[in-house]
Amino acid sequence: MSISKALQLIKGESSHWINSNNLIQENFMWQDDYWAVSVSESGVWNVRKYIKNQVEHHSKKSFLEEIEELGFERFKDLPSTEVDGNVD
């Protein structure tokens, strides 16, 4: 299954479930874009640890700062609302 098909199914099913169960007042919709990254088997433990500690980690460093450190240059010119999810 392609990444785009998998995400289409995940987004569609999760949106339907959230809206069917009235988990939020407004209609839930995912953004159109997504970002997928592969991880080697040797890196799985580090990714799990990162996800587990994500809230604490991002309280010290913004997503944009982290992306710039990792060298993903295409994200550096995005407005902060698109990268951090901040709304002015």
N, C-alpha and C. Protein backbone atom coordinates (compact mmCIF):
# COMPACT_ATOMS: atom_id res chain seq x y z
N MET A 1 0.85 -1.17 0.00
CA MET A 1 0.00 0.00 0.00
C MET A 1 0.90 1.23 0.00
N SER A 2 0.55 2.19 -0.79
CA SER A 2 1.33 3.42 -0.84
C SER A 2 1.12 4.26 0.43
N ILE A 3 2.08 5.12 0.71
CA ILE A 3 1.96 6.01 1.87
C ILE A 3 0.74 6.90 1.71
N SER A 4 0.52 7.42 0.51
CA SER A 4 -0.63 8.32 0.31
C SER A 4 -1.95 7.59 0.54
N LYS A 5 -2.06 6.34 0.12
CA LYS A 5 -3.29 5.57 0.34
C LYS A 5 -3.48 5.27 1.83
N ALA A 6 -2.40 4.89 2.50
CA ALA A 6 -2.48 4.61 3.94
C ALA A 6 -2.95 5.85 4.70
N LEU A 7 -2.37 7.00 4.38
CA LEU A 7 -2.77 8.22 5.07
C LEU A 7 -4.18 8.64 4.72
N GLN A 8 -4.59 8.41 3.49
CA GLN A 8 -5.97 8.70 3.10
C GLN A 8 -6.93 7.90 3.98
N LEU A 9 -6.65 6.61 4.17
CA LEU A 9 -7.50 5.76 4.98
C LEU A 9 -7.47 6.16 6.46
N ILE A 10 -6.28 6.42 6.99
CA ILE A 10 -6.15 6.82 8.39
C ILE A 10 -6.88 8.13 8.65
N LYS A 11 -6.65 9.12 7.79
CA LYS A 11 -7.30 10.41 7.97
C LYS A 11 -8.82 10.29 7.84
N GLY A 12 -9.27 9.56 6.84
CA GLY A 12 -10.71 9.41 6.62
C GLY A 12 -11.40 8.70 7.76
N GLU A 13 -10.85 7.56 8.17
CA GLU A 13 -11.47 6.79 9.26
C GLU A 13 -11.43 7.53 10.58
N SER A 14 -10.29 8.18 10.87
CA SER A 14 -10.18 8.88 12.16
C SER A 14 -11.09 10.10 12.18
N SER A 15 -11.19 10.84 11.08
CA SER A 15 -12.10 11.99 11.01
C SER A 15 -13.55 11.53 11.22
N HIS A 16 -13.90 10.46 10.55
CA HIS A 16 -15.26 9.93 10.68
C HIS A 16 -15.54 9.52 12.12
N TRP A 17 -14.60 8.83 12.76
CA TRP A 17 -14.78 8.38 14.14
C TRP A 17 -14.90 9.56 15.10
N ILE A 18 -14.01 10.55 14.95
CA ILE A 18 -14.05 11.73 15.83
C ILE A 18 -15.39 12.45 15.68
N ASN A 19 -15.83 12.65 14.43
CA ASN A 19 -17.08 13.37 14.20
C ASN A 19 -18.30 12.55 14.60
N SER A 20 -18.28 11.25 14.38
CA SER A 20 -19.41 10.38 14.77
C SER A 20 -19.58 10.31 16.28
N ASN A 21 -18.48 10.44 17.00
CA ASN A 21 -18.52 10.36 18.46
C ASN A 21 -18.58 11.74 19.13
N ASN A 22 -18.74 12.78 18.30
CA ASN A 22 -18.87 14.16 18.81
C ASN A 22 -17.80 14.49 19.84
N LEU A 23 -16.54 14.19 19.51
CA LEU A 23 -15.44 14.43 20.44
C LEU A 23 -15.05 15.91 20.52
N ILE A 24 -15.40 16.67 19.51
CA ILE A 24 -15.16 18.11 19.54
C ILE A 24 -16.42 18.80 19.01
N GLN A 25 -16.57 20.08 19.36
CA GLN A 25 -17.79 20.80 18.98
C GLN A 25 -17.88 21.05 17.48
N GLU A 26 -16.77 21.43 16.87
CA GLU A 26 -16.79 21.70 15.44
C GLU A 26 -16.49 20.43 14.65
N ASN A 27 -16.68 20.50 13.35
CA ASN A 27 -16.41 19.36 12.47
C ASN A 27 -14.90 19.18 12.35
N PHE A 28 -14.39 18.00 12.67
CA PHE A 28 -12.96 17.74 12.60
C PHE A 28 -12.55 17.43 11.17
N MET A 29 -11.45 18.06 10.73
CA MET A 29 -10.88 17.77 9.41
C MET A 29 -9.36 17.84 9.52
N TRP A 30 -8.70 16.93 8.85
CA TRP A 30 -7.24 16.95 8.78
C TRP A 30 -6.81 17.99 7.76
N GLN A 31 -5.58 18.50 7.90
CA GLN A 31 -5.01 19.35 6.85
C GLN A 31 -4.75 18.50 5.62
N ASP A 32 -4.61 19.11 4.47
CA ASP A 32 -4.40 18.38 3.22
C ASP A 32 -3.04 17.72 3.14
N ASP A 33 -2.03 18.37 3.69
CA ASP A 33 -0.66 17.88 3.54
C ASP A 33 -0.27 16.87 4.61
N TYR A 34 0.78 16.13 4.33
CA TYR A 34 1.38 15.24 5.31
C TYR A 34 2.86 15.13 5.01
N TRP A 35 3.57 14.60 5.95
CA TRP A 35 5.01 14.44 5.79
C TRP A 35 5.37 13.06 6.29
N ALA A 36 6.00 12.26 5.48
CA ALA A 36 6.37 10.90 5.86
C ALA A 36 7.89 10.75 5.82
N VAL A 37 8.41 10.06 6.81
CA VAL A 37 9.84 9.82 6.91
C VAL A 37 10.05 8.35 7.22
N SER A 38 11.00 7.74 6.57
CA SER A 38 11.29 6.34 6.87
C SER A 38 12.35 6.26 7.97
N VAL A 39 12.33 5.14 8.69
CA VAL A 39 13.27 4.91 9.78
C VAL A 39 13.83 3.51 9.63
N SER A 40 15.15 3.39 9.76
CA SER A 40 15.75 2.06 9.69
C SER A 40 15.39 1.29 10.95
N GLU A 41 15.47 -0.02 10.88
CA GLU A 41 15.14 -0.85 12.03
C GLU A 41 15.98 -0.48 13.25
N SER A 42 17.23 -0.12 13.02
CA SER A 42 18.10 0.23 14.14
C SER A 42 17.69 1.54 14.81
N GLY A 43 16.87 2.35 14.14
CA GLY A 43 16.45 3.62 14.69
C GLY A 43 15.08 3.58 15.35
N VAL A 44 14.39 2.45 15.31
CA VAL A 44 13.03 2.36 15.84
C VAL A 44 12.97 2.70 17.33
N TRP A 45 13.89 2.21 18.12
CA TRP A 45 13.88 2.48 19.56
C TRP A 45 13.97 3.98 19.83
N ASN A 46 14.86 4.67 19.12
CA ASN A 46 15.00 6.12 19.30
C ASN A 46 13.73 6.87 18.91
N VAL A 47 13.07 6.42 17.85
CA VAL A 47 11.82 7.07 17.42
C VAL A 47 10.74 6.86 18.47
N ARG A 48 10.63 5.65 19.00
CA ARG A 48 9.64 5.39 20.05
C ARG A 48 9.89 6.27 21.28
N LYS A 49 11.15 6.38 21.66
CA LYS A 49 11.52 7.22 22.81
C LYS A 49 11.17 8.68 22.53
N TYR A 50 11.45 9.14 21.31
CA TYR A 50 11.14 10.51 20.91
C TYR A 50 9.64 10.78 21.01
N ILE A 51 8.84 9.87 20.47
CA ILE A 51 7.38 10.04 20.49
C ILE A 51 6.88 10.07 21.93
N LYS A 52 7.38 9.17 22.76
CA LYS A 52 6.95 9.09 24.16
C LYS A 52 7.23 10.40 24.90
N ASN A 53 8.34 11.06 24.58
CA ASN A 53 8.74 12.28 25.28
C ASN A 53 8.51 13.56 24.46
N GLN A 54 7.63 13.48 23.48
CA GLN A 54 7.42 14.58 22.55
C GLN A 54 6.96 15.88 23.21
N VAL A 55 6.03 15.80 24.14
CA VAL A 55 5.50 17.00 24.78
C VAL A 55 6.61 17.73 25.53
N GLU A 56 7.37 16.98 26.31
CA GLU A 56 8.48 17.59 27.05
C GLU A 56 9.53 18.14 26.09
N HIS A 57 9.84 17.36 25.07
CA HIS A 57 10.86 17.76 24.10
C HIS A 57 10.49 19.08 23.42
N HIS A 58 9.24 19.21 22.98
CA HIS A 58 8.82 20.41 22.25
C HIS A 58 8.55 21.60 23.17
N SER A 59 8.56 21.38 24.46
CA SER A 59 8.45 22.53 25.36
C SER A 59 9.79 23.26 25.43
N LYS A 60 10.86 22.60 24.99
CA LYS A 60 12.21 23.19 25.01
C LYS A 60 12.65 23.68 23.63
N LYS A 61 12.11 23.08 22.59
CA LYS A 61 12.55 23.40 21.23
C LYS A 61 11.34 23.32 20.30
N SER A 62 11.16 24.32 19.45
CA SER A 62 10.03 24.30 18.53
C SER A 62 10.28 23.30 17.41
N PHE A 63 9.21 22.92 16.77
CA PHE A 63 9.29 22.00 15.63
C PHE A 63 10.18 22.61 14.55
N LEU A 64 10.00 23.91 14.29
CA LEU A 64 10.80 24.58 13.26
C LEU A 64 12.29 24.54 13.60
N GLU A 65 12.65 24.79 14.86
CA GLU A 65 14.05 24.72 15.26
C GLU A 65 14.62 23.32 15.04
N GLU A 66 13.83 22.33 15.37
CA GLU A 66 14.28 20.95 15.20
C GLU A 66 14.46 20.60 13.72
N ILE A 67 13.50 21.00 12.90
CA ILE A 67 13.59 20.72 11.47
C ILE A 67 14.82 21.38 10.87
N GLU A 68 15.10 22.62 11.28
CA GLU A 68 16.29 23.32 10.77
C GLU A 68 17.56 22.61 11.20
N GLU A 69 17.60 22.11 12.45
CA GLU A 69 18.77 21.37 12.93
C GLU A 69 19.00 20.10 12.13
N LEU A 70 17.90 19.47 11.71
CA LEU A 70 18.01 18.23 10.95
C LEU A 70 18.37 18.47 9.49
N GLY A 71 18.33 19.72 9.06
CA GLY A 71 18.75 20.06 7.71
C GLY A 71 17.66 19.97 6.66
N PHE A 72 16.41 20.01 7.06
CA PHE A 72 15.31 19.98 6.10
C PHE A 72 15.04 21.41 5.64
N GLU A 73 15.83 21.88 4.73
CA GLU A 73 15.81 23.28 4.29
C GLU A 73 14.47 23.72 3.70
N ARG A 74 13.71 22.82 3.10
CA ARG A 74 12.47 23.26 2.45
C ARG A 74 11.44 23.79 3.43
N PHE A 75 11.61 23.52 4.73
CA PHE A 75 10.67 24.00 5.73
C PHE A 75 11.04 25.35 6.31
N LYS A 76 12.26 25.81 6.08
CA LYS A 76 12.72 27.02 6.75
C LYS A 76 11.97 28.28 6.36
N ASP A 77 11.37 28.33 5.18
CA ASP A 77 10.67 29.54 4.73
C ASP A 77 9.16 29.51 4.97
N LEU A 78 8.66 28.44 5.59
CA LEU A 78 7.23 28.38 5.87
C LEU A 78 6.88 29.32 7.01
N PRO A 79 5.71 29.95 6.93
CA PRO A 79 5.28 30.75 8.08
C PRO A 79 5.12 29.86 9.30
N SER A 80 5.32 30.40 10.49
CA SER A 80 5.27 29.59 11.71
C SER A 80 3.92 28.91 11.90
N THR A 81 2.83 29.49 11.38
CA THR A 81 1.52 28.86 11.54
C THR A 81 1.45 27.54 10.79
N GLU A 82 2.18 27.41 9.68
CA GLU A 82 2.14 26.17 8.92
C GLU A 82 3.04 25.11 9.54
N VAL A 83 4.08 25.52 10.23
CA VAL A 83 5.04 24.57 10.78
C VAL A 83 4.70 24.19 12.21
N ASP A 84 4.40 25.16 13.05
CA ASP A 84 4.16 24.90 14.46
C ASP A 84 2.70 24.64 14.79
N GLY A 85 1.80 24.96 13.87
CA GLY A 85 0.39 24.84 14.17
C GLY A 85 -0.15 25.99 14.99
N ASN A 86 0.66 27.06 15.13
CA ASN A 86 0.22 28.22 15.89
C ASN A 86 -0.80 29.02 15.07
N VAL A 87 -1.75 29.57 15.75
CA VAL A 87 -2.73 30.41 15.08
C VAL A 87 -2.68 31.79 15.71
N ASP A 88 -2.46 32.81 14.87
CA ASP A 88 -2.39 34.19 15.39
C ASP A 88 -3.77 34.76 15.59
